[in-house]
Amino acid sequence: MSNTSEPLEISEPVLERAIAWAVALGAEAGDENIRHAFDQWLRAHPMHRLAWQRLQVVESEFSGLASERAETSRTSAWRNLFLRVCVTHSA
């Protein structure tokens, strides 16, 4: 039986998808099709919501850093930061 006080581990594919959604939603903020697809993904599995919540924490902590980078650099930076935070939270 698992200890409920331990943070849940999120798989790398789920983390990467959460990051991809953040990029897509940022680039196409007014696109209802993208928003609808994101909402479906978010509801599809509890790990999706957890990954999204953790990404929002990272985004709020580093909001000023990524805004000055090119989109590809931004995506890479977010991925690296997000993975570091998730490893820290799951340790």
N, C-alpha and C. Protein backbone atom coordinates (compact mmCIF):
# COMPACT_ATOMS: atom_id res chain seq x y z
N MET A 1 0.84 -1.19 0.00
CA MET A 1 0.00 0.00 0.00
C MET A 1 0.88 1.24 0.00
N SER A 2 0.53 2.23 -0.77
CA SER A 2 1.36 3.43 -0.88
C SER A 2 1.02 4.43 0.21
N ASN A 3 2.00 5.25 0.51
CA ASN A 3 1.83 6.30 1.50
C ASN A 3 1.20 7.51 0.81
N THR A 4 0.04 7.96 1.25
CA THR A 4 -0.66 9.06 0.59
C THR A 4 0.04 10.40 0.77
N SER A 5 1.00 10.50 1.68
CA SER A 5 1.70 11.76 1.87
C SER A 5 2.83 11.94 0.86
N GLU A 6 3.20 10.86 0.13
CA GLU A 6 4.26 10.96 -0.85
C GLU A 6 3.70 11.56 -2.15
N PRO A 7 4.45 12.47 -2.77
CA PRO A 7 3.99 13.03 -4.04
C PRO A 7 3.94 11.94 -5.11
N LEU A 8 3.00 12.06 -6.01
CA LEU A 8 2.87 11.09 -7.09
C LEU A 8 3.89 11.40 -8.19
N GLU A 9 4.44 10.33 -8.74
CA GLU A 9 5.39 10.50 -9.83
C GLU A 9 4.63 10.63 -11.15
N ILE A 10 5.02 11.59 -11.95
CA ILE A 10 4.39 11.83 -13.24
C ILE A 10 5.35 11.36 -14.31
N SER A 11 4.85 10.60 -15.26
CA SER A 11 5.72 10.07 -16.31
C SER A 11 6.20 11.19 -17.23
N GLU A 12 7.34 10.96 -17.84
CA GLU A 12 7.91 11.96 -18.74
C GLU A 12 6.99 12.29 -19.92
N PRO A 13 6.34 11.30 -20.55
CA PRO A 13 5.41 11.65 -21.64
C PRO A 13 4.28 12.57 -21.19
N VAL A 14 3.76 12.36 -19.98
CA VAL A 14 2.69 13.23 -19.48
C VAL A 14 3.24 14.63 -19.22
N LEU A 15 4.44 14.73 -18.66
CA LEU A 15 5.07 16.03 -18.44
C LEU A 15 5.29 16.76 -19.77
N GLU A 16 5.78 16.03 -20.74
CA GLU A 16 6.02 16.64 -22.05
C GLU A 16 4.73 17.11 -22.69
N ARG A 17 3.66 16.35 -22.52
CA ARG A 17 2.37 16.75 -23.10
C ARG A 17 1.83 18.00 -22.39
N ALA A 18 1.99 18.06 -21.08
CA ALA A 18 1.55 19.25 -20.35
C ALA A 18 2.30 20.49 -20.85
N ILE A 19 3.58 20.33 -21.09
CA ILE A 19 4.38 21.44 -21.61
C ILE A 19 3.92 21.82 -23.01
N ALA A 20 3.65 20.81 -23.83
CA ALA A 20 3.15 21.08 -25.19
C ALA A 20 1.82 21.84 -25.14
N TRP A 21 0.95 21.47 -24.20
CA TRP A 21 -0.31 22.20 -24.04
C TRP A 21 -0.07 23.64 -23.63
N ALA A 22 0.87 23.86 -22.73
CA ALA A 22 1.17 25.23 -22.30
C ALA A 22 1.62 26.07 -23.49
N VAL A 23 2.46 25.50 -24.33
CA VAL A 23 2.94 26.22 -25.51
C VAL A 23 1.78 26.47 -26.47
N ALA A 24 0.98 25.44 -26.74
CA ALA A 24 -0.15 25.58 -27.68
C ALA A 24 -1.16 26.60 -27.18
N LEU A 25 -1.49 26.54 -25.91
CA LEU A 25 -2.46 27.49 -25.36
C LEU A 25 -1.92 28.91 -25.36
N GLY A 26 -0.62 29.05 -25.14
CA GLY A 26 -0.02 30.38 -25.18
C GLY A 26 0.02 30.96 -26.58
N ALA A 27 0.28 30.10 -27.56
CA ALA A 27 0.38 30.55 -28.94
C ALA A 27 -0.99 30.80 -29.57
N GLU A 28 -1.96 30.02 -29.18
CA GLU A 28 -3.30 30.09 -29.77
C GLU A 28 -4.35 30.33 -28.69
N ALA A 29 -4.16 31.36 -27.91
CA ALA A 29 -5.01 31.61 -26.74
C ALA A 29 -6.50 31.68 -27.06
N GLY A 30 -6.86 32.17 -28.23
CA GLY A 30 -8.28 32.33 -28.56
C GLY A 30 -8.88 31.19 -29.34
N ASP A 31 -8.13 30.14 -29.61
CA ASP A 31 -8.62 29.03 -30.42
C ASP A 31 -9.46 28.07 -29.57
N GLU A 32 -10.75 28.07 -29.81
CA GLU A 32 -11.67 27.24 -29.03
C GLU A 32 -11.43 25.75 -29.24
N ASN A 33 -11.00 25.34 -30.44
CA ASN A 33 -10.72 23.93 -30.70
C ASN A 33 -9.56 23.44 -29.84
N ILE A 34 -8.52 24.26 -29.75
CA ILE A 34 -7.37 23.88 -28.92
C ILE A 34 -7.79 23.84 -27.46
N ARG A 35 -8.54 24.83 -27.02
CA ARG A 35 -9.00 24.86 -25.62
C ARG A 35 -9.86 23.64 -25.30
N HIS A 36 -10.74 23.28 -26.21
CA HIS A 36 -11.60 22.12 -26.01
C HIS A 36 -10.76 20.83 -25.92
N ALA A 37 -9.80 20.67 -26.84
CA ALA A 37 -8.93 19.49 -26.83
C ALA A 37 -8.12 19.44 -25.53
N PHE A 38 -7.63 20.59 -25.08
CA PHE A 38 -6.91 20.65 -23.82
C PHE A 38 -7.80 20.23 -22.65
N ASP A 39 -9.02 20.74 -22.61
CA ASP A 39 -9.95 20.38 -21.53
C ASP A 39 -10.22 18.88 -21.52
N GLN A 40 -10.35 18.27 -22.70
CA GLN A 40 -10.55 16.82 -22.77
C GLN A 40 -9.33 16.08 -22.23
N TRP A 41 -8.14 16.52 -22.63
CA TRP A 41 -6.91 15.90 -22.13
C TRP A 41 -6.83 16.03 -20.61
N LEU A 42 -7.13 17.20 -20.11
CA LEU A 42 -7.05 17.46 -18.67
C LEU A 42 -7.97 16.52 -17.88
N ARG A 43 -9.15 16.26 -18.41
CA ARG A 43 -10.13 15.40 -17.72
C ARG A 43 -9.88 13.92 -17.95
N ALA A 44 -9.04 13.57 -18.91
CA ALA A 44 -8.87 12.17 -19.30
C ALA A 44 -8.18 11.33 -18.22
N HIS A 45 -7.35 11.95 -17.39
CA HIS A 45 -6.61 11.18 -16.39
C HIS A 45 -6.18 12.10 -15.25
N PRO A 46 -6.24 11.65 -14.00
CA PRO A 46 -5.83 12.49 -12.87
C PRO A 46 -4.38 12.96 -12.96
N MET A 47 -3.52 12.16 -13.57
CA MET A 47 -2.11 12.57 -13.72
C MET A 47 -1.98 13.79 -14.64
N HIS A 48 -2.89 13.93 -15.59
CA HIS A 48 -2.85 15.10 -16.47
C HIS A 48 -3.08 16.37 -15.66
N ARG A 49 -4.07 16.33 -14.79
CA ARG A 49 -4.36 17.51 -13.96
C ARG A 49 -3.20 17.80 -13.02
N LEU A 50 -2.61 16.76 -12.44
CA LEU A 50 -1.48 16.95 -11.54
C LEU A 50 -0.28 17.55 -12.30
N ALA A 51 -0.01 17.03 -13.48
CA ALA A 51 1.08 17.57 -14.29
C ALA A 51 0.82 19.04 -14.62
N TRP A 52 -0.41 19.36 -14.98
CA TRP A 52 -0.76 20.75 -15.31
C TRP A 52 -0.61 21.66 -14.09
N GLN A 53 -1.03 21.20 -12.94
CA GLN A 53 -0.90 22.00 -11.72
C GLN A 53 0.57 22.25 -11.39
N ARG A 54 1.39 21.23 -11.50
CA ARG A 54 2.81 21.41 -11.23
C ARG A 54 3.45 22.35 -12.24
N LEU A 55 3.04 22.26 -13.48
CA LEU A 55 3.56 23.17 -14.50
C LEU A 55 3.18 24.61 -14.18
N GLN A 56 1.98 24.82 -13.69
CA GLN A 56 1.54 26.18 -13.33
C GLN A 56 2.39 26.75 -12.20
N VAL A 57 2.79 25.91 -11.25
CA VAL A 57 3.67 26.35 -10.17
C VAL A 57 5.01 26.79 -10.75
N VAL A 58 5.56 25.97 -11.62
CA VAL A 58 6.85 26.31 -12.24
C VAL A 58 6.72 27.59 -13.06
N GLU A 59 5.65 27.68 -13.82
CA GLU A 59 5.44 28.86 -14.65
C GLU A 59 5.36 30.14 -13.81
N SER A 60 4.67 30.07 -12.70
CA SER A 60 4.56 31.26 -11.86
C SER A 60 5.91 31.63 -11.24
N GLU A 61 6.72 30.62 -10.90
CA GLU A 61 8.03 30.89 -10.31
C GLU A 61 9.03 31.47 -11.30
N PHE A 62 8.90 31.09 -12.55
CA PHE A 62 9.87 31.49 -13.55
C PHE A 62 9.28 32.34 -14.68
N SER A 63 8.18 33.00 -14.43
CA SER A 63 7.47 33.72 -15.48
C SER A 63 8.31 34.78 -16.18
N GLY A 64 9.17 35.46 -15.48
CA GLY A 64 9.98 36.49 -16.09
C GLY A 64 11.14 35.97 -16.93
N LEU A 65 11.60 34.76 -16.65
CA LEU A 65 12.78 34.23 -17.34
C LEU A 65 12.51 33.81 -18.77
N ALA A 66 11.43 33.09 -18.99
CA ALA A 66 11.18 32.50 -20.31
C ALA A 66 10.68 33.52 -21.32
N SER A 67 10.13 34.63 -20.89
CA SER A 67 9.52 35.57 -21.82
C SER A 67 10.50 36.21 -22.78
N GLU A 68 11.79 36.20 -22.47
CA GLU A 68 12.79 36.83 -23.32
C GLU A 68 13.42 35.86 -24.32
N ARG A 69 13.06 34.61 -24.28
CA ARG A 69 13.69 33.60 -25.14
C ARG A 69 12.85 33.35 -26.39
N ALA A 70 13.50 32.80 -27.42
CA ALA A 70 12.79 32.37 -28.61
C ALA A 70 11.89 31.19 -28.25
N GLU A 71 10.87 30.92 -29.06
CA GLU A 71 9.89 29.88 -28.73
C GLU A 71 10.53 28.50 -28.54
N THR A 72 11.48 28.12 -29.38
CA THR A 72 12.09 26.79 -29.20
C THR A 72 12.93 26.75 -27.93
N SER A 73 13.64 27.82 -27.64
CA SER A 73 14.42 27.88 -26.40
C SER A 73 13.50 27.88 -25.20
N ARG A 74 12.38 28.56 -25.33
CA ARG A 74 11.41 28.62 -24.24
C ARG A 74 10.87 27.24 -23.93
N THR A 75 10.51 26.50 -24.95
CA THR A 75 9.98 25.16 -24.75
C THR A 75 11.01 24.28 -24.06
N SER A 76 12.25 24.34 -24.51
CA SER A 76 13.32 23.54 -23.91
C SER A 76 13.56 23.96 -22.46
N ALA A 77 13.57 25.25 -22.20
CA ALA A 77 13.79 25.74 -20.84
C ALA A 77 12.67 25.30 -19.92
N TRP A 78 11.42 25.41 -20.38
CA TRP A 78 10.29 24.99 -19.56
C TRP A 78 10.38 23.50 -19.25
N ARG A 79 10.72 22.72 -20.25
CA ARG A 79 10.82 21.27 -20.05
C ARG A 79 11.86 20.95 -18.98
N ASN A 80 13.03 21.56 -19.08
CA ASN A 80 14.09 21.31 -18.12
C ASN A 80 13.71 21.76 -16.72
N LEU A 81 13.13 22.93 -16.59
CA LEU A 81 12.71 23.44 -15.29
C LEU A 81 11.61 22.56 -14.68
N PHE A 82 10.66 22.20 -15.52
CA PHE A 82 9.54 21.39 -15.06
C PHE A 82 10.02 20.03 -14.57
N LEU A 83 10.91 19.41 -15.32
CA LEU A 83 11.43 18.11 -14.91
C LEU A 83 12.20 18.21 -13.60
N ARG A 84 12.97 19.29 -13.43
CA ARG A 84 13.70 19.48 -12.18
C ARG A 84 12.76 19.62 -11.00
N VAL A 85 11.70 20.41 -11.16
CA VAL A 85 10.75 20.61 -10.07
C VAL A 85 10.02 19.31 -9.74
N CYS A 86 9.64 18.57 -10.77
CA CYS A 86 8.91 17.32 -10.53
C CYS A 86 9.81 16.29 -9.83
N VAL A 87 11.07 16.25 -10.20
CA VAL A 87 12.00 15.33 -9.53
C VAL A 87 12.15 15.75 -8.07
N THR A 88 12.25 17.05 -7.83
CA THR A 88 12.38 17.55 -6.46
C THR A 88 11.13 17.21 -5.65
N HIS A 89 9.96 17.38 -6.24
CA HIS A 89 8.71 17.09 -5.52
C HIS A 89 8.49 15.60 -5.32
N SER A 90 9.05 14.76 -6.18
CA SER A 90 8.83 13.33 -6.04
C SER A 90 9.92 12.67 -5.20
N ALA A 91 10.95 13.41 -4.83
CA ALA A 91 12.05 12.83 -4.02
C ALA A 91 11.64 12.69 -2.58
